[in-house]
Structures are given as C-alpha cells and as structure tokens.
Amino acid sequence: MRGGRGQERAITGNRQTSWEFADAYGAELVENAESEALRWARDRAQEAGLRTVSPATGAALRLLAAAAEAKAVAEIGTGTGVSGLHLLHGMRSDGVLTTVDTEPERQQFAREAFRAAGFVGSGGNRVRFIPGRALDVLPRLADGGYDLVFCDGDRTECLDYLAESLRLLRDGGLICFAGVFADGRTGEAADQSQEVLRLRELLRTVRESTLLVPSLLPVGDGLLCAVKRGE
C-alpha cells in the first residue's frame, strides 16, 4: 500500500492543525465576547502564577452550561474567577454558582471580577463562595442538587471529585474536568508522577463507567466531560 508511514505522519499533522484551528476558533469566540472583568481576572491569575482555563476551554464551558440550562453549578477551584465567569455567562439568568477554593485570598479576586461583571452586588448575588478543601466541603452539598460540576482543583484528588460529583449531580447533569492532558504529560508513558497516574485512572474510570456518557474535548489542556445517565 502506498503512503505508509508518510501518510500516517500527514494525517497526524492535519489533525494537529485542525486541533489548533478549533482551539483558536474557541479563543476568538471568547475574545469577541470577553469583558473587562474577564481580562482583569486573567491578569490577576497570571500575576499569581495560577493556571487557568484557556479561552477555548472557557467557550466550551459556556456552551455546556447553556446546553444544560444550568441553574445550579458547583465549581472546585475558584482561582481568580476566570472559569466561574465563563460558567455564569452560560448559565440561566437565575442560576447560582457555588465555588470552592482553599485560598480565600483568591476568592476575593474572584469576588471583585464577579462584581464587575454584574453577578455579585446590589443587583443580586449569583455566587456562593465557600472557602476550604473541596473534599471537606462537597459532602455538605445537596445530593442531586446540581446541573453541572466543574473540577479544576488538586489533580491528585480527581477520583474523589468524581465520586462526590456523581452524588451531587441530577440525572442528566454534566461533570467536567479541566487540564486532563497535564501539559501533554498524560500521554507520555515515561511520566509516572502521582498526578499523571491519577489522571490516567480518571480517564479510564470515566470511559468504563456505565453511569456516564463521556467525551474528551481537545481544547486547551484537555476537557473531560460526561453526562450522568438517568435511572
């Protein structure tokens, strides 16, 4: 058969180009709609050396929150509010975001960004801030009370987040994990760090679960998404 390895390389190259194109398209969507509050939150994250979702990942989160008509969303990892702003823009106008972070100082940055965007303040409060470790906070949240759970916390705890999220989600609800590529390390067999091993186990567990309908979206640093099946 003609082509062989050369053909494989060409296909891989085309896929990479398509991936980059799709990521750039998502980034443009957000850039066109990006508010001053979102730019401010990104700047604060950069100054603090915090990772945050890419613009294309943010566009995907907006889409998913809108598709789920999300009224109640739980977020693990507030950061400076970048992902929260994307989620809020996609949620219903009466939706409430419950966001958890171990660092109250970061949540203060997020509060300012949410206030600037009109989600917090005299016009109403669509955000509930809970400081603390996610695995201490999540058990206190209501069973089946959430339409979407977004996880961007400690990657070594991702399997525990999955277990808690399945309890928190209503049937038909969505769970999303950011950063599952770990800057490309998840696909490198030589990387045996605890973080990467846990991410691989997460990917395997979600793929094999009969309770979930999953997909791995190649945006940003990888966005693993799954819908919780109904009974």
C-alpha atoms as a PDB file:
ATOM      1  CA  MET A   1       0.000   0.000   0.000  1.00  0.00           C
ATOM      2  CA  ARG A   2       1.405   3.366  -0.975  1.00  0.00           C
ATOM      3  CA  GLY A   3       1.836   6.087   1.584  1.00  0.00           C
ATOM      4  CA  GLY A   4       2.556   4.038   4.706  1.00  0.00           C
ATOM      5  CA  ARG A   5       4.309   5.961   7.452  1.00  0.00           C
ATOM      6  CA  GLY A   6       4.367   9.116   5.359  1.00  0.00           C
ATOM      7  CA  GLN A   7       0.599   9.016   5.122  1.00  0.00           C
ATOM      8  CA  GLU A   8       0.299   8.483   8.895  1.00  0.00           C
ATOM      9  CA  ARG A   9       2.506  11.476   9.536  1.00  0.00           C
ATOM     10  CA  ALA A  10       0.410  13.602   7.172  1.00  0.00           C
ATOM     11  CA  ILE A  11      -2.806  12.590   8.918  1.00  0.00           C
ATOM     12  CA  THR A  12      -1.303  13.360  12.310  1.00  0.00           C
ATOM     13  CA  GLY A  13      -0.107  16.716  11.047  1.00  0.00           C
ATOM     14  CA  ASN A  14      -3.519  17.557   9.621  1.00  0.00           C
ATOM     15  CA  ARG A  15      -5.182  16.582  12.880  1.00  0.00           C
ATOM     16  CA  GLN A  16      -2.795  18.767  14.826  1.00  0.00           C
ATOM     17  CA  THR A  17      -3.541  21.691  12.509  1.00  0.00           C
ATOM     18  CA  SER A  18      -7.281  21.098  12.877  1.00  0.00           C
ATOM     19  CA  TRP A  19      -6.931  20.929  16.660  1.00  0.00           C
ATOM     20  CA  GLU A  20      -5.069  24.227  16.727  1.00  0.00           C
ATOM     21  CA  PHE A  21      -7.669  25.762  14.407  1.00  0.00           C
ATOM     22  CA  ALA A  22     -10.520  24.612  16.664  1.00  0.00           C
ATOM     23  CA  ASP A  23      -8.736  25.938  19.749  1.00  0.00           C
ATOM     24  CA  ALA A  24      -8.118  29.287  18.044  1.00  0.00           C
ATOM     25  CA  TYR A  25     -11.771  29.431  16.970  1.00  0.00           C
ATOM     26  CA  GLY A  26     -12.903  28.962  20.567  1.00  0.00           C
ATOM     27  CA  ALA A  27     -10.452  31.620  21.694  1.00  0.00           C
ATOM     28  CA  GLU A  28     -11.868  34.059  19.142  1.00  0.00           C
ATOM     29  CA  LEU A  29     -15.404  33.417  20.364  1.00  0.00           C
ATOM     30  CA  VAL A  30     -14.395  34.365  23.879  1.00  0.00           C
ATOM     31  CA  GLU A  31     -12.215  37.265  22.793  1.00  0.00           C
ATOM     32  CA  ASN A  32     -15.150  38.788  20.912  1.00  0.00           C
ATOM     33  CA  ALA A  33     -17.360  38.445  23.985  1.00  0.00           C
ATOM     34  CA  GLU A  34     -14.671  38.939  26.622  1.00  0.00           C
ATOM     35  CA  SER A  35     -15.466  41.505  29.248  1.00  0.00           C
ATOM     36  CA  GLU A  36     -13.130  43.789  31.137  1.00  0.00           C
ATOM     37  CA  ALA A  37     -13.866  41.665  34.209  1.00  0.00           C
ATOM     38  CA  LEU A  38     -12.609  38.526  32.486  1.00  0.00           C
ATOM     39  CA  ARG A  39      -9.440  40.211  31.277  1.00  0.00           C
ATOM     40  CA  TRP A  40      -8.845  41.545  34.795  1.00  0.00           C
ATOM     41  CA  ALA A  41      -9.304  38.067  36.296  1.00  0.00           C
ATOM     42  CA  ARG A  42      -6.855  36.578  33.776  1.00  0.00           C
ATOM     43  CA  ASP A  43      -4.278  39.235  34.637  1.00  0.00           C
ATOM     44  CA  ARG A  44      -4.615  38.500  38.372  1.00  0.00           C
ATOM     45  CA  ALA A  45      -4.158  34.774  37.723  1.00  0.00           C
ATOM     46  CA  GLN A  46      -1.032  35.422  35.653  1.00  0.00           C
ATOM     47  CA  GLU A  47       0.434  37.663  38.349  1.00  0.00           C
ATOM     48  CA  ALA A  48      -0.208  34.985  40.976  1.00  0.00           C
ATOM     49  CA  GLY A  49       1.282  32.221  38.817  1.00  0.00           C
ATOM     50  CA  LEU A  50      -2.022  30.319  38.731  1.00  0.00           C
ATOM     51  CA  ARG A  51      -3.100  28.105  35.885  1.00  0.00           C
ATOM     52  CA  THR A  52      -6.478  28.970  34.437  1.00  0.00           C
ATOM     53  CA  VAL A  53      -8.699  27.644  31.679  1.00  0.00           C
ATOM     54  CA  SER A  54      -7.797  28.677  28.146  1.00  0.00           C
ATOM     55  CA  PRO A  55     -10.185  30.918  26.207  1.00  0.00           C
ATOM     56  CA  ALA A  56     -11.250  27.941  24.077  1.00  0.00           C
ATOM     57  CA  THR A  57     -11.954  25.885  27.195  1.00  0.00           C
ATOM     58  CA  GLY A  58     -13.931  28.829  28.544  1.00  0.00           C
ATOM     59  CA  ALA A  59     -16.019  28.891  25.360  1.00  0.00           C
ATOM     60  CA  ALA A  60     -16.727  25.171  25.817  1.00  0.00           C
ATOM     61  CA  LEU A  61     -17.809  25.732  29.423  1.00  0.00           C
ATOM     62  CA  ARG A  62     -20.200  28.466  28.348  1.00  0.00           C
ATOM     63  CA  LEU A  63     -21.688  26.153  25.743  1.00  0.00           C
ATOM     64  CA  LEU A  64     -22.065  23.244  28.161  1.00  0.00           C
ATOM     65  CA  ALA A  65     -23.658  25.376  30.871  1.00  0.00           C
ATOM     66  CA  ALA A  66     -26.098  26.796  28.329  1.00  0.00           C
ATOM     67  CA  ALA A  67     -26.892  23.368  26.839  1.00  0.00           C
ATOM     68  CA  ALA A  68     -27.632  22.003  30.327  1.00  0.00           C
ATOM     69  CA  GLU A  69     -29.750  25.101  31.093  1.00  0.00           C
ATOM     70  CA  ALA A  70     -27.767  25.063  34.308  1.00  0.00           C
ATOM     71  CA  LYS A  71     -29.370  26.711  37.321  1.00  0.00           C
ATOM     72  CA  ALA A  72     -27.078  25.218  39.977  1.00  0.00           C
ATOM     73  CA  VAL A  73     -23.359  24.714  39.264  1.00  0.00           C
ATOM     74  CA  ALA A  74     -20.612  23.603  41.659  1.00  0.00           C
ATOM     75  CA  GLU A  75     -17.024  24.614  40.909  1.00  0.00           C
ATOM     76  CA  ILE A  76     -13.946  23.071  42.516  1.00  0.00           C
ATOM     77  CA  GLY A  77     -11.153  25.633  42.275  1.00  0.00           C
ATOM     78  CA  THR A  78     -12.309  29.260  42.235  1.00  0.00           C
ATOM     79  CA  GLY A  79      -8.927  30.693  41.289  1.00  0.00           C
ATOM     80  CA  THR A  80      -9.345  34.348  40.369  1.00  0.00           C
ATOM     81  CA  GLY A  81     -12.745  33.759  38.774  1.00  0.00           C
ATOM     82  CA  VAL A  82     -11.929  33.075  35.115  1.00  0.00           C
ATOM     83  CA  SER A  83     -13.741  29.739  34.788  1.00  0.00           C
ATOM     84  CA  GLY A  84     -16.547  30.986  37.033  1.00  0.00           C
ATOM     85  CA  LEU A  85     -17.218  33.923  34.726  1.00  0.00           C
ATOM     86  CA  HIS A  86     -17.478  31.592  31.736  1.00  0.00           C
ATOM     87  CA  LEU A  87     -19.870  29.303  33.587  1.00  0.00           C
ATOM     88  CA  LEU A  88     -22.037  32.201  34.771  1.00  0.00           C
ATOM     89  CA  HIS A  89     -22.293  33.616  31.257  1.00  0.00           C
ATOM     90  CA  GLY A  90     -23.628  30.251  30.046  1.00  0.00           C
ATOM     91  CA  MET A  91     -25.972  29.540  32.971  1.00  0.00           C
ATOM     92  CA  ARG A  92     -29.589  30.578  33.297  1.00  0.00           C
ATOM     93  CA  SER A  93     -30.123  34.172  34.370  1.00  0.00           C
ATOM     94  CA  ASP A  94     -31.390  32.952  37.747  1.00  0.00           C
ATOM     95  CA  GLY A  95     -28.586  30.398  38.165  1.00  0.00           C
ATOM     96  CA  VAL A  96     -26.263  30.255  41.179  1.00  0.00           C
ATOM     97  CA  LEU A  97     -22.612  29.200  41.099  1.00  0.00           C
ATOM     98  CA  THR A  98     -21.241  27.539  44.249  1.00  0.00           C
ATOM     99  CA  THR A  99     -17.466  27.829  44.120  1.00  0.00           C
ATOM    100  CA  VAL A 100     -14.935  26.226  46.469  1.00  0.00           C
ATOM    101  CA  ASP A 101     -11.267  27.068  46.971  1.00  0.00           C
ATOM    102  CA  THR A 102      -8.654  26.524  49.667  1.00  0.00           C
ATOM    103  CA  GLU A 103      -7.395  30.117  49.317  1.00  0.00           C
ATOM    104  CA  PRO A 104      -9.815  32.842  50.481  1.00  0.00           C
ATOM    105  CA  GLU A 105      -7.455  35.483  49.057  1.00  0.00           C
ATOM    106  CA  ARG A 106      -8.016  34.133  45.555  1.00  0.00           C
ATOM    107  CA  GLN A 107     -11.746  34.147  46.144  1.00  0.00           C
ATOM    108  CA  GLN A 108     -11.513  37.850  46.923  1.00  0.00           C
ATOM    109  CA  PHE A 109     -10.087  38.448  43.441  1.00  0.00           C
ATOM    110  CA  ALA A 110     -12.908  36.347  42.001  1.00  0.00           C
ATOM    111  CA  ARG A 111     -15.485  38.293  44.011  1.00  0.00           C
ATOM    112  CA  GLU A 112     -14.200  41.541  42.502  1.00  0.00           C
ATOM    113  CA  ALA A 113     -14.350  40.085  38.991  1.00  0.00           C
ATOM    114  CA  PHE A 114     -17.881  38.761  39.522  1.00  0.00           C
ATOM    115  CA  ARG A 115     -18.969  42.118  40.936  1.00  0.00           C
ATOM    116  CA  ALA A 116     -17.528  43.947  37.923  1.00  0.00           C
ATOM    117  CA  ALA A 117     -19.421  41.584  35.620  1.00  0.00           C
ATOM    118  CA  GLY A 118     -22.675  42.202  37.497  1.00  0.00           C
ATOM    119  CA  PHE A 119     -23.036  38.735  39.035  1.00  0.00           C
ATOM    120  CA  VAL A 120     -22.405  39.933  42.601  1.00  0.00           C
ATOM    121  CA  GLY A 121     -23.650  43.161  44.152  1.00  0.00           C
ATOM    122  CA  SER A 122     -26.770  45.208  44.748  1.00  0.00           C
ATOM    123  CA  GLY A 123     -28.499  43.781  41.688  1.00  0.00           C
ATOM    124  CA  GLY A 124     -28.414  40.271  43.150  1.00  0.00           C
ATOM    125  CA  ASN A 125     -25.975  37.592  44.190  1.00  0.00           C
ATOM    126  CA  ARG A 126     -25.488  34.667  41.849  1.00  0.00           C
ATOM    127  CA  VAL A 127     -22.340  33.315  43.511  1.00  0.00           C
ATOM    128  CA  ARG A 128     -21.875  31.402  46.748  1.00  0.00           C
ATOM    129  CA  PHE A 129     -18.263  31.347  47.941  1.00  0.00           C
ATOM    130  CA  ILE A 130     -17.147  28.520  50.226  1.00  0.00           C
ATOM    131  CA  PRO A 131     -13.519  28.561  51.428  1.00  0.00           C
ATOM    132  CA  GLY A 132     -11.975  25.229  52.295  1.00  0.00           C
ATOM    133  CA  ARG A 133     -10.676  21.944  50.940  1.00  0.00           C
ATOM    134  CA  ALA A 134     -13.058  20.560  48.345  1.00  0.00           C
ATOM    135  CA  LEU A 135     -13.251  17.095  49.899  1.00  0.00           C
ATOM    136  CA  ASP A 136     -14.309  18.675  53.194  1.00  0.00           C
ATOM    137  CA  VAL A 137     -16.887  20.964  51.571  1.00  0.00           C
ATOM    138  CA  LEU A 138     -18.514  18.749  48.913  1.00  0.00           C
ATOM    139  CA  PRO A 139     -20.056  16.244  51.371  1.00  0.00           C
ATOM    140  CA  ARG A 140     -22.073  19.153  52.814  1.00  0.00           C
ATOM    141  CA  LEU A 141     -23.713  19.968  49.462  1.00  0.00           C
ATOM    142  CA  ALA A 142     -27.110  18.553  48.480  1.00  0.00           C
ATOM    143  CA  ASP A 143     -27.471  15.179  46.779  1.00  0.00           C
ATOM    144  CA  GLY A 144     -28.736  15.535  43.210  1.00  0.00           C
ATOM    145  CA  GLY A 145     -28.893  19.303  43.579  1.00  0.00           C
ATOM    146  CA  TYR A 146     -26.593  20.342  40.731  1.00  0.00           C
ATOM    147  CA  ASP A 147     -26.848  20.532  36.958  1.00  0.00           C
ATOM    148  CA  LEU A 148     -23.094  20.779  36.348  1.00  0.00           C
ATOM    149  CA  VAL A 149     -19.948  20.202  38.388  1.00  0.00           C
ATOM    150  CA  PHE A 150     -16.687  21.699  37.141  1.00  0.00           C
ATOM    151  CA  CYS A 151     -13.440  20.332  38.593  1.00  0.00           C
ATOM    152  CA  ASP A 152     -10.213  22.315  38.394  1.00  0.00           C
ATOM    153  CA  GLY A 153      -8.655  21.593  41.771  1.00  0.00           C
ATOM    154  CA  ASP A 154      -5.916  19.280  43.020  1.00  0.00           C
ATOM    155  CA  ARG A 155      -5.427  16.754  40.228  1.00  0.00           C
ATOM    156  CA  THR A 156      -4.291  14.054  42.650  1.00  0.00           C
ATOM    157  CA  GLU A 157      -7.813  14.184  44.149  1.00  0.00           C
ATOM    158  CA  CYS A 158      -9.640  13.898  40.829  1.00  0.00           C
ATOM    159  CA  LEU A 159     -11.053  10.407  41.529  1.00  0.00           C
ATOM    160  CA  ASP A 160     -12.505  11.637  44.822  1.00  0.00           C
ATOM    161  CA  TYR A 161     -14.019  14.607  42.978  1.00  0.00           C
ATOM    162  CA  LEU A 162     -15.619  12.171  40.548  1.00  0.00           C
ATOM    163  CA  ALA A 163     -17.228  10.165  43.340  1.00  0.00           C
ATOM    164  CA  GLU A 164     -18.587  13.296  45.029  1.00  0.00           C
ATOM    165  CA  SER A 165     -19.798  14.750  41.731  1.00  0.00           C
ATOM    166  CA  LEU A 166     -21.841  11.653  40.895  1.00  0.00           C
ATOM    167  CA  ARG A 167     -23.692  12.166  44.170  1.00  0.00           C
ATOM    168  CA  LEU A 168     -24.161  15.894  43.618  1.00  0.00           C
ATOM    169  CA  LEU A 169     -25.424  15.699  40.032  1.00  0.00           C
ATOM    170  CA  ARG A 170     -29.022  15.242  38.980  1.00  0.00           C
ATOM    171  CA  ASP A 171     -29.729  12.630  36.328  1.00  0.00           C
ATOM    172  CA  GLY A 172     -28.684  14.167  33.014  1.00  0.00           C
ATOM    173  CA  GLY A 173     -26.246  16.504  34.743  1.00  0.00           C
ATOM    174  CA  LEU A 174     -22.722  17.205  33.490  1.00  0.00           C
ATOM    175  CA  ILE A 175     -19.313  16.760  35.076  1.00  0.00           C
ATOM    176  CA  CYS A 176     -16.242  18.437  33.562  1.00  0.00           C
ATOM    177  CA  PHE A 177     -12.554  18.054  34.453  1.00  0.00           C
ATOM    178  CA  ALA A 178     -10.069  20.665  33.227  1.00  0.00           C
ATOM    179  CA  GLY A 179      -6.386  20.050  32.496  1.00  0.00           C
ATOM    180  CA  VAL A 180      -6.522  16.294  31.955  1.00  0.00           C
ATOM    181  CA  PHE A 181      -3.661  16.460  29.426  1.00  0.00           C
ATOM    182  CA  ALA A 182      -1.368  17.905  32.133  1.00  0.00           C
ATOM    183  CA  ASP A 183       0.615  19.888  29.535  1.00  0.00           C
ATOM    184  CA  GLY A 184       0.946  16.754  27.391  1.00  0.00           C
ATOM    185  CA  ARG A 185       2.360  14.578  30.172  1.00  0.00           C
ATOM    186  CA  THR A 186      -0.693  12.314  30.471  1.00  0.00           C
ATOM    187  CA  GLY A 187       0.093  10.777  27.084  1.00  0.00           C
ATOM    188  CA  GLU A 188       3.792  10.228  27.856  1.00  0.00           C
ATOM    189  CA  ALA A 189       4.352   6.675  29.093  1.00  0.00           C
ATOM    190  CA  ALA A 190       7.601   7.679  30.815  1.00  0.00           C
ATOM    191  CA  ASP A 191       5.776  10.071  33.162  1.00  0.00           C
ATOM    192  CA  GLN A 192       4.831   8.115  36.279  1.00  0.00           C
ATOM    193  CA  SER A 193       4.165  11.037  38.608  1.00  0.00           C
ATOM    194  CA  GLN A 194       1.272  10.698  41.035  1.00  0.00           C
ATOM    195  CA  GLU A 195      -0.644  13.494  39.305  1.00  0.00           C
ATOM    196  CA  VAL A 196      -0.407  11.865  35.883  1.00  0.00           C
ATOM    197  CA  LEU A 197      -1.188   8.377  37.199  1.00  0.00           C
ATOM    198  CA  ARG A 198      -4.346   9.695  38.842  1.00  0.00           C
ATOM    199  CA  LEU A 199      -5.400  11.474  35.655  1.00  0.00           C
ATOM    200  CA  ARG A 200      -4.919   8.301  33.622  1.00  0.00           C
ATOM    201  CA  GLU A 201      -7.003   6.393  36.152  1.00  0.00           C
ATOM    202  CA  LEU A 202      -9.672   9.089  35.961  1.00  0.00           C
ATOM    203  CA  LEU A 203      -9.811   8.837  32.173  1.00  0.00           C
ATOM    204  CA  ARG A 204     -10.048   5.049  32.383  1.00  0.00           C
ATOM    205  CA  THR A 205     -12.718   5.101  35.107  1.00  0.00           C
ATOM    206  CA  VAL A 206     -14.916   7.607  33.275  1.00  0.00           C
ATOM    207  CA  ARG A 207     -14.549   5.735  29.978  1.00  0.00           C
ATOM    208  CA  GLU A 208     -15.544   2.401  31.545  1.00  0.00           C
ATOM    209  CA  SER A 209     -18.345   3.696  33.784  1.00  0.00           C
ATOM    210  CA  THR A 210     -21.869   2.524  32.936  1.00  0.00           C
ATOM    211  CA  LEU A 211     -23.206   5.576  34.796  1.00  0.00           C
ATOM    212  CA  LEU A 212     -21.631   8.101  32.428  1.00  0.00           C
ATOM    213  CA  VAL A 213     -21.718   9.141  28.776  1.00  0.00           C
ATOM    214  CA  PRO A 214     -18.251  10.698  28.314  1.00  0.00           C
ATOM    215  CA  SER A 215     -16.243  12.640  25.776  1.00  0.00           C
ATOM    216  CA  LEU A 216     -12.733  14.093  25.889  1.00  0.00           C
ATOM    217  CA  LEU A 217     -12.675  17.521  24.256  1.00  0.00           C
ATOM    218  CA  PRO A 218      -9.288  18.553  22.803  1.00  0.00           C
ATOM    219  CA  VAL A 219      -9.495  22.201  23.855  1.00  0.00           C
ATOM    220  CA  GLY A 220      -6.921  23.969  25.974  1.00  0.00           C
ATOM    221  CA  ASP A 221      -5.194  21.435  28.208  1.00  0.00           C
ATOM    222  CA  GLY A 222      -7.953  18.860  27.706  1.00  0.00           C
ATOM    223  CA  LEU A 223     -11.533  18.983  28.981  1.00  0.00           C
ATOM    224  CA  LEU A 224     -13.019  15.653  30.067  1.00  0.00           C
ATOM    225  CA  CYS A 225     -16.820  15.809  30.107  1.00  0.00           C
ATOM    226  CA  ALA A 226     -19.507  13.267  30.956  1.00  0.00           C
ATOM    227  CA  VAL A 227     -23.276  13.192  31.343  1.00  0.00           C
ATOM    228  CA  LYS A 228     -24.722  11.256  34.263  1.00  0.00           C
ATOM    229  CA  ARG A 229     -27.226   8.708  32.995  1.00  0.00           C
ATOM    230  CA  GLY A 230     -30.727   8.583  34.439  1.00  0.00           C
ATOM    231  CA  GLU A 231     -32.078   5.565  36.255  1.00  0.00           C
END
